[in-house]
């Protein structure tokens, strides 16, 4: 073997040992450099709570309560349009006096405002002419009758004079009525026309101010009086709830300002056109107003279904009001309690509360949910 051959063989063996050493890893290197697997620990139900002494929280079976289904909607008090009367001026002119204002209560015949009008001058001129004409035709009739009685004139002359007298009386009566319509007295004519309230009620609209001009029988009414002894409540009922609303039935009206008063409203109309944006129909309730409701007030209307449904009832203290929701606690195995979300209903006699949904009659509930909640938080 030559020196070159021996050198090449030694170099090859050294390189092989070197590469073999690089490929080998120290014990534990794989576990240290690779990603550690995640350990997932099963989480407990967040609605379950375990306490040390569950016996200190008494429980009770939920009772049974039969009630018709209810639908609660909001509504707005509005005037009954059939009881709104516009106050119009029968004479054109300028406002010289306003004796009432928007929101005032008025009685029938009460002075509302005064108008200075040139229409009175023309009407009084026609009246004076009619008076003079009637007096003249009366004299002519008397003369014709006298001549006829003495055979100096034919009967036809009397008839013509009588017709002229009758027409003059018609003209006189018409001019007198015109003055009365304008609010003027023929015996005491004046250019000021007073306007009086046609009905009793509340002034709900005012379109005039002092010194403003008005036109006779214009489309813009100076004032509007509403009789609020009966009002409408306009409610929005969603399309999905329309089956619970029937024409002619009654609903309970709850006023925010008077929580202890419950009024009855009759469904007088169900709108035939749905709002395309929010998918609701207008439902009109007709309500007798005991001088409590004011226009624009918000109310809650409760519609009652025909058939009674089976609901649970629990002590009022068993319901926990938390985060705008209602909850009850029910015992489970192992000394734990489960918090259940429910939909609370109305209060019942005996300090009970109706549970519309969430639990069934017979479900055990903690009678004092607030005490258990305080214990859980501690």
Protein backbone atom coordinates (compact mmCIF):
# COMPACT_ATOMS: atom_id res chain seq x y z
CA UNK A 1 0.00 0.00 0.00
CA UNK A 2 1.40 3.33 -1.00
CA UNK A 3 1.47 6.36 1.22
CA UNK A 4 -1.19 8.14 -0.86
CA UNK A 5 -3.53 5.18 -0.57
CA UNK A 6 -3.08 4.93 3.21
CA UNK A 7 -3.73 8.63 3.61
CA UNK A 8 -6.96 8.49 1.60
CA UNK A 9 -8.23 5.53 3.61
CA UNK A 10 -7.49 7.29 6.93
CA UNK A 11 -9.24 10.46 5.74
CA UNK A 12 -12.32 8.51 4.70
CA UNK A 13 -12.64 6.72 8.07
CA UNK A 14 -12.23 9.98 10.00
CA UNK A 15 -14.95 11.66 7.90
CA UNK A 16 -17.33 8.73 8.47
CA UNK A 17 -16.89 8.88 12.23
CA UNK A 18 -17.43 12.64 12.17
CA UNK A 19 -20.68 12.42 10.20
CA UNK A 20 -21.94 9.61 12.38
CA UNK A 21 -21.33 11.70 15.50
CA UNK A 22 -23.21 14.67 14.05
CA UNK A 23 -26.28 12.54 13.25
CA UNK A 24 -26.50 11.22 16.81
CA UNK A 25 -28.37 13.40 19.36
CA UNK A 26 -27.82 13.60 23.04
CA UNK A 27 -30.42 11.93 25.21
CA UNK A 28 -33.28 14.26 25.96
CA UNK A 29 -32.61 16.57 23.02
CA UNK A 30 -35.82 15.56 21.16
CA UNK A 31 -38.03 16.28 24.19
CA UNK A 32 -36.35 19.60 24.88
CA UNK A 33 -36.35 21.11 21.39
CA UNK A 34 -39.73 19.89 20.02
CA UNK A 35 -43.23 21.51 20.85
CA UNK A 36 -44.79 20.30 24.08
CA UNK A 37 -48.29 18.76 23.61
CA UNK A 38 -51.17 20.85 25.16
CA UNK A 39 -52.96 19.27 28.06
CA UNK A 40 -56.74 20.02 27.83
CA UNK A 41 -58.55 19.91 31.14
CA UNK A 42 -62.32 19.50 31.05
CA UNK A 43 -64.00 22.69 32.32
CA UNK A 44 -67.03 22.47 34.61
CA UNK A 45 -70.45 23.83 33.64
CA UNK A 46 -70.37 27.59 34.48
CA UNK A 47 -74.03 27.44 35.52
CA UNK A 48 -73.32 24.81 38.19
CA UNK A 49 -72.23 25.85 41.67
CA UNK A 50 -71.19 23.62 44.53
CA UNK A 51 -71.46 24.69 48.15
CA UNK A 52 -70.24 23.09 51.33
CA UNK A 53 -73.57 22.94 53.14
CA UNK A 54 -76.38 22.71 50.59
CA UNK A 55 -78.89 21.91 53.33
CA UNK A 56 -78.87 25.55 54.45
CA UNK A 57 -80.66 26.55 51.24
CA UNK A 58 -84.27 25.28 51.41
CA UNK A 59 -85.97 24.23 48.21
CA UNK A 60 -89.54 23.98 47.05
CA UNK A 61 -91.36 22.37 44.13
CA UNK A 62 -92.61 24.84 41.52
CA UNK A 63 -96.39 25.01 41.48
CA UNK A 64 -98.76 25.01 38.54
CA UNK A 65 -100.56 28.09 37.22
CA UNK A 66 -103.05 28.16 34.35
CA UNK A 67 -103.18 31.40 32.41
CA UNK A 68 -104.02 32.58 28.93
CA UNK A 69 -101.04 33.61 26.82
CA UNK A 70 -100.29 37.32 26.85
CA UNK A 71 -98.83 39.66 24.28
CA UNK A 72 -97.31 42.92 25.52
CA UNK A 73 -96.75 45.75 23.06
CA UNK A 74 -96.07 49.45 23.40
CA UNK A 75 -98.42 52.13 22.18
CA UNK A 76 -98.85 55.89 22.00
CA UNK A 77 -101.88 57.90 23.12
CA UNK A 78 -103.38 59.72 20.12
CA UNK A 79 -106.53 61.82 19.65
CA UNK A 80 -109.71 60.29 18.29
CA UNK A 81 -109.94 61.97 14.89
CA UNK A 82 -113.72 61.73 14.98
CA UNK A 83 -113.63 63.95 18.08
CA UNK A 84 -111.34 66.61 16.60
CA UNK A 85 -113.14 69.77 15.49
CA UNK A 86 -111.39 72.54 13.54
CA UNK A 87 -112.08 76.11 14.58
CA UNK A 88 -112.52 78.19 11.45
CA UNK A 89 -113.04 81.88 10.83
CA UNK A 90 -116.02 82.65 8.58
CA UNK A 91 -114.63 86.12 7.87
CA UNK A 92 -111.29 87.06 6.35
CA UNK A 93 -109.23 89.63 8.20
CA UNK A 94 -106.54 90.19 10.80
CA UNK A 95 -106.27 88.71 14.29
CA UNK A 96 -106.67 91.44 16.91
CA UNK A 97 -107.10 89.31 20.05
CA UNK A 98 -106.30 85.73 21.13
CA UNK A 99 -107.92 84.58 24.35
CA UNK A 100 -106.68 80.96 24.44
CA UNK A 101 -103.45 79.14 23.73
CA UNK A 102 -102.24 75.71 22.66
CA UNK A 103 -102.96 73.12 25.37
CA UNK A 104 -105.72 75.11 27.09
CA UNK A 105 -108.95 73.40 28.08
CA UNK A 106 -111.99 75.23 26.72
CA UNK A 107 -115.74 74.85 27.03
CA UNK A 108 -118.34 75.09 24.31
CA UNK A 109 -119.21 78.72 23.56
CA UNK A 110 -116.00 80.14 25.08
CA UNK A 111 -114.40 83.09 23.25
CA UNK A 112 -111.26 81.96 21.44
CA UNK A 113 -110.09 84.91 19.32
CA UNK A 114 -111.31 88.00 17.44
CA UNK A 115 -110.86 89.04 13.82
CA UNK A 116 -111.16 92.51 12.34
CA UNK A 117 -112.83 91.99 8.95
CA UNK A 118 -113.99 94.11 6.05
CA UNK A 119 -116.51 91.41 5.24
CA UNK A 120 -118.76 92.85 7.95
CA UNK A 121 -118.93 96.23 6.17
CA UNK A 122 -120.09 94.62 2.93
CA UNK A 123 -122.57 92.39 4.73
CA UNK A 124 -124.00 95.32 6.68
CA UNK A 125 -124.30 97.37 3.47
CA UNK A 126 -126.30 94.56 1.87
CA UNK A 127 -128.46 94.42 4.98
CA UNK A 128 -129.24 98.17 4.91
CA UNK A 129 -130.16 97.98 1.23
CA UNK A 130 -132.43 95.01 1.88
CA UNK A 131 -134.20 96.90 4.68
CA UNK A 132 -134.85 99.90 2.44
CA UNK A 133 -136.02 97.73 -0.44
CA UNK A 134 -138.42 95.80 1.80
CA UNK A 135 -139.91 99.01 3.17
CA UNK A 136 -140.46 100.33 -0.36
CA UNK A 137 -142.12 97.18 -1.63
CA UNK A 138 -144.36 97.16 1.47
CA UNK A 139 -145.57 100.70 0.65
CA UNK A 140 -146.17 99.74 -2.97
CA UNK A 141 -148.14 96.67 -1.90
CA UNK A 142 -150.33 98.74 0.44
CA UNK A 143 -150.98 101.29 -2.31
CA UNK A 144 -151.88 98.63 -4.88
CA UNK A 145 -154.24 96.96 -2.38
CA UNK A 146 -155.96 100.30 -1.66
CA UNK A 147 -156.44 101.07 -5.34
CA UNK A 148 -157.78 97.59 -5.99
CA UNK A 149 -160.27 97.95 -3.14
CA UNK A 150 -161.64 101.10 -4.85
CA UNK A 151 -161.69 99.51 -8.28
CA UNK A 152 -158.94 101.75 -9.62
CA UNK A 153 -156.47 98.98 -10.50
CA UNK A 154 -156.75 95.35 -11.59
CA UNK A 155 -155.99 92.44 -9.29
CA UNK A 156 -152.86 91.63 -11.28
CA UNK A 157 -151.24 94.82 -10.02
CA UNK A 158 -151.79 93.66 -6.45
CA UNK A 159 -150.28 90.30 -7.26
CA UNK A 160 -147.17 91.88 -8.78
CA UNK A 161 -146.75 94.10 -5.72
CA UNK A 162 -147.19 91.10 -3.41
CA UNK A 163 -144.49 89.15 -5.27
CA UNK A 164 -142.09 92.09 -5.01
CA UNK A 165 -142.79 92.32 -1.27
CA UNK A 166 -142.15 88.60 -0.78
CA UNK A 167 -138.84 88.75 -2.65
CA UNK A 168 -137.76 91.75 -0.61
CA UNK A 169 -138.44 89.87 2.63
CA UNK A 170 -136.35 86.93 1.38
CA UNK A 171 -133.44 89.26 0.61
CA UNK A 172 -133.76 90.88 4.02
CA UNK A 173 -133.75 87.54 5.84
CA UNK A 174 -130.73 86.41 3.83
CA UNK A 175 -128.67 89.47 4.71
CA UNK A 176 -129.59 89.13 8.40
CA UNK A 177 -128.51 85.50 8.37
CA UNK A 178 -125.26 86.48 6.67
CA UNK A 179 -124.48 88.91 9.49
CA UNK A 180 -125.28 86.25 12.08
CA UNK A 181 -122.98 83.76 10.35
CA UNK A 182 -120.15 86.30 10.45
CA UNK A 183 -120.81 86.81 14.15
CA UNK A 184 -122.27 90.30 13.93
CA UNK A 185 -125.50 91.74 15.34
CA UNK A 186 -127.62 93.62 12.76
CA UNK A 187 -128.67 96.11 15.45
CA UNK A 188 -125.08 96.75 16.56
CA UNK A 189 -122.80 96.18 13.57
CA UNK A 190 -119.06 96.13 14.13
CA UNK A 191 -115.97 95.17 12.16
CA UNK A 192 -114.75 92.84 14.95
CA UNK A 193 -115.82 89.21 14.52
CA UNK A 194 -115.59 87.02 17.67
CA UNK A 195 -114.93 83.30 17.21
CA UNK A 196 -116.25 80.89 19.85
CA UNK A 197 -115.44 77.27 20.71
CA UNK A 198 -117.78 74.86 18.88
CA UNK A 199 -117.19 72.05 21.44
CA UNK A 200 -115.56 71.49 24.81
CA UNK A 201 -112.07 69.99 24.82
CA UNK A 202 -108.38 70.79 24.60
CA UNK A 203 -106.70 72.97 21.98
CA UNK A 204 -104.31 70.54 20.32
CA UNK A 205 -103.22 72.69 17.37
CA UNK A 206 -102.69 76.43 16.92
CA UNK A 207 -101.78 78.11 13.64
CA UNK A 208 -102.39 81.78 14.48
CA UNK A 209 -100.58 84.55 16.34
CA UNK A 210 -101.49 88.12 17.17
CA UNK A 211 -101.81 90.37 14.09
CA UNK A 212 -101.75 87.35 11.78
CA UNK A 213 -104.07 87.25 8.79
CA UNK A 214 -106.75 84.62 8.31
CA UNK A 215 -108.80 83.61 5.31
CA UNK A 216 -112.41 82.60 5.58
CA UNK A 217 -112.82 78.80 5.52
CA UNK A 218 -109.17 78.29 4.59
CA UNK A 219 -107.58 74.84 4.66
CA UNK A 220 -105.20 75.96 7.43
CA UNK A 221 -107.39 76.01 10.51
CA UNK A 222 -106.52 78.67 13.10
CA UNK A 223 -107.18 76.26 15.99
CA UNK A 224 -108.15 72.63 16.50
CA UNK A 225 -110.08 71.40 19.54
CA UNK A 226 -109.92 67.73 20.55
CA UNK A 227 -112.39 66.04 22.84
CA UNK A 228 -110.12 63.84 24.99
CA UNK A 229 -112.87 62.07 26.91
CA UNK A 230 -112.10 59.15 24.58
CA UNK A 231 -108.73 58.60 22.94
CA UNK A 232 -106.99 56.17 20.63
CA UNK A 233 -103.91 54.13 21.46
CA UNK A 234 -101.92 53.19 18.37
CA UNK A 235 -99.82 50.04 18.85
CA UNK A 236 -97.29 48.28 16.61
CA UNK A 237 -97.85 44.51 16.52
CA UNK A 238 -95.30 42.31 14.78
CA UNK A 239 -96.39 40.04 11.98
CA UNK A 240 -95.58 36.90 14.01
CA UNK A 241 -97.96 38.03 16.78
CA UNK A 242 -100.95 39.02 14.64
CA UNK A 243 -102.78 35.77 15.45
CA UNK A 244 -103.21 36.95 19.07
CA UNK A 245 -105.03 40.16 18.09
CA UNK A 246 -108.73 40.07 17.18
CA UNK A 247 -111.11 42.88 16.24
CA UNK A 248 -113.57 43.77 18.99
CA UNK A 249 -111.61 42.17 21.84
CA UNK A 250 -110.26 44.08 24.82
CA UNK A 251 -106.72 44.71 26.01
CA UNK A 252 -105.31 45.91 29.34
CA UNK A 253 -103.71 49.35 29.24
CA UNK A 254 -100.87 50.02 31.70
CA UNK A 255 -99.70 53.61 32.19
CA UNK A 256 -96.12 54.28 33.21
CA UNK A 257 -97.19 57.40 35.11
CA UNK A 258 -99.91 55.51 37.01
CA UNK A 259 -98.68 51.93 37.55
CA UNK A 260 -101.57 51.06 39.87
CA UNK A 261 -104.24 51.86 37.27
CA UNK A 262 -105.26 49.37 34.61
CA UNK A 263 -107.61 50.57 31.86
CA UNK A 264 -109.54 48.60 29.25
CA UNK A 265 -109.21 49.32 25.55
CA UNK A 266 -111.31 47.86 22.74
CA UNK A 267 -109.60 46.88 19.48
CA UNK A 268 -111.37 49.09 16.96
CA UNK A 269 -109.15 48.58 13.94
CA UNK A 270 -106.30 46.37 12.72
CA UNK A 271 -104.26 47.97 9.95
CA UNK A 272 -104.46 46.33 6.57
CA UNK A 273 -101.00 47.52 5.50
CA UNK A 274 -97.81 46.17 7.08
CA UNK A 275 -94.81 48.40 7.68
CA UNK A 276 -92.28 47.05 5.15
CA UNK A 277 -89.28 48.00 7.29
CA UNK A 278 -90.10 46.54 10.71
CA UNK A 279 -92.92 44.17 9.66
CA UNK A 280 -95.58 45.51 12.01
CA UNK A 281 -99.22 46.48 11.65
CA UNK A 282 -100.96 49.35 13.38
CA UNK A 283 -103.57 48.25 15.91
CA UNK A 284 -105.98 50.89 17.21
CA UNK A 285 -107.40 50.67 20.73
CA UNK A 286 -110.35 52.83 21.73
CA UNK A 287 -110.17 53.83 25.39
CA UNK A 288 -112.30 55.99 27.68
CA UNK A 289 -109.97 58.56 29.23
CA UNK A 290 -110.48 59.11 32.98
CA UNK A 291 -108.55 62.40 32.69
CA UNK A 292 -105.24 60.53 33.14
CA UNK A 293 -103.96 60.01 29.62
CA UNK A 294 -102.31 62.81 27.70
CA UNK A 295 -101.53 62.89 24.02
CA UNK A 296 -98.12 61.41 23.26
CA UNK A 297 -97.88 59.28 26.42
CA UNK A 298 -96.33 55.83 26.06
CA UNK A 299 -98.37 52.91 27.39
CA UNK A 300 -98.13 49.13 27.46
CA UNK A 301 -101.02 47.18 26.00
CA UNK A 302 -101.54 43.55 27.01
CA UNK A 303 -103.54 41.29 24.69
CA UNK A 304 -104.89 38.06 26.17
CA UNK A 305 -105.20 34.79 24.26
CA UNK A 306 -108.26 32.54 24.15
CA UNK A 307 -106.88 29.28 25.58
CA UNK A 308 -105.16 28.92 28.94
CA UNK A 309 -101.63 27.53 29.11
CA UNK A 310 -99.83 25.61 31.88
CA UNK A 311 -97.06 27.63 33.55
CA UNK A 312 -94.94 27.21 36.67
CA UNK A 313 -95.23 29.38 39.76
CA UNK A 314 -92.49 29.91 42.35
CA UNK A 315 -91.98 32.12 45.39
CA UNK A 316 -91.05 35.62 44.35
CA UNK A 317 -87.81 35.31 46.34
CA UNK A 318 -86.79 32.32 44.21
CA UNK A 319 -86.35 34.56 41.15
CA UNK A 320 -82.98 36.25 40.80
CA UNK A 321 -82.84 39.37 38.62
CA UNK A 322 -79.34 39.51 37.18
CA UNK A 323 -78.07 41.37 34.10
CA UNK A 324 -81.60 42.21 32.91
CA UNK A 325 -82.54 38.54 33.03
CA UNK A 326 -84.41 36.27 35.43
CA UNK A 327 -82.82 33.15 36.94
CA UNK A 328 -83.68 30.43 39.43
CA UNK A 329 -81.45 27.93 41.24
CA UNK A 330 -82.32 24.24 41.10
CA UNK A 331 -80.49 21.52 43.13
CA UNK A 332 -78.55 18.81 41.30
CA UNK A 333 -76.60 15.78 42.55
CA UNK A 334 -73.54 16.10 44.74
CA UNK A 335 -74.62 19.16 46.67
CA UNK A 336 -74.52 21.39 43.61
CA UNK A 337 -77.01 23.90 42.29
CA UNK A 338 -77.71 24.79 38.70
CA UNK A 339 -78.62 28.32 37.68
CA UNK A 340 -81.43 28.26 35.08
CA UNK A 341 -82.55 31.23 33.01
CA UNK A 342 -86.32 31.75 33.03
CA UNK A 343 -88.85 34.24 31.73
CA UNK A 344 -90.71 35.74 34.63
CA UNK A 345 -94.38 36.65 34.38
CA UNK A 346 -96.77 38.60 36.53
CA UNK A 347 -96.95 38.56 40.30
CA UNK A 348 -99.49 36.17 41.82
CA UNK A 349 -101.29 36.11 45.15
CA UNK A 350 -99.39 34.60 48.07
CA UNK A 351 -96.09 36.29 47.12
CA UNK A 352 -95.69 34.02 44.12
CA UNK A 353 -94.49 34.83 40.63
CA UNK A 354 -95.47 33.25 37.34
CA UNK A 355 -92.72 31.63 35.27
CA UNK A 356 -93.67 31.80 31.61
CA UNK A 357 -90.85 29.57 30.37
CA UNK A 358 -87.60 27.98 31.57
CA UNK A 359 -88.87 25.45 34.09
CA UNK A 360 -91.90 23.20 34.36
CA UNK A 361 -94.25 22.73 37.31
CA UNK A 362 -92.70 20.34 39.84
CA UNK A 363 -89.12 21.53 39.33
CA UNK A 364 -87.32 22.04 42.63
CA UNK A 365 -86.04 25.57 43.13
CA UNK A 366 -84.18 27.35 45.90
CA UNK A 367 -86.69 29.52 47.73
CA UNK A 368 -84.22 32.37 48.31
CA UNK A 369 -82.03 32.78 45.25
CA UNK A 370 -80.38 35.99 46.43
CA UNK A 371 -78.86 34.34 49.52
CA UNK A 372 -77.40 31.54 47.41
CA UNK A 373 -76.07 34.03 44.87
CA UNK A 374 -74.29 35.97 47.63
CA UNK A 375 -72.76 32.74 48.92
CA UNK A 376 -71.54 31.79 45.45
CA UNK A 377 -69.93 35.18 44.92
CA UNK A 378 -68.06 34.93 48.21
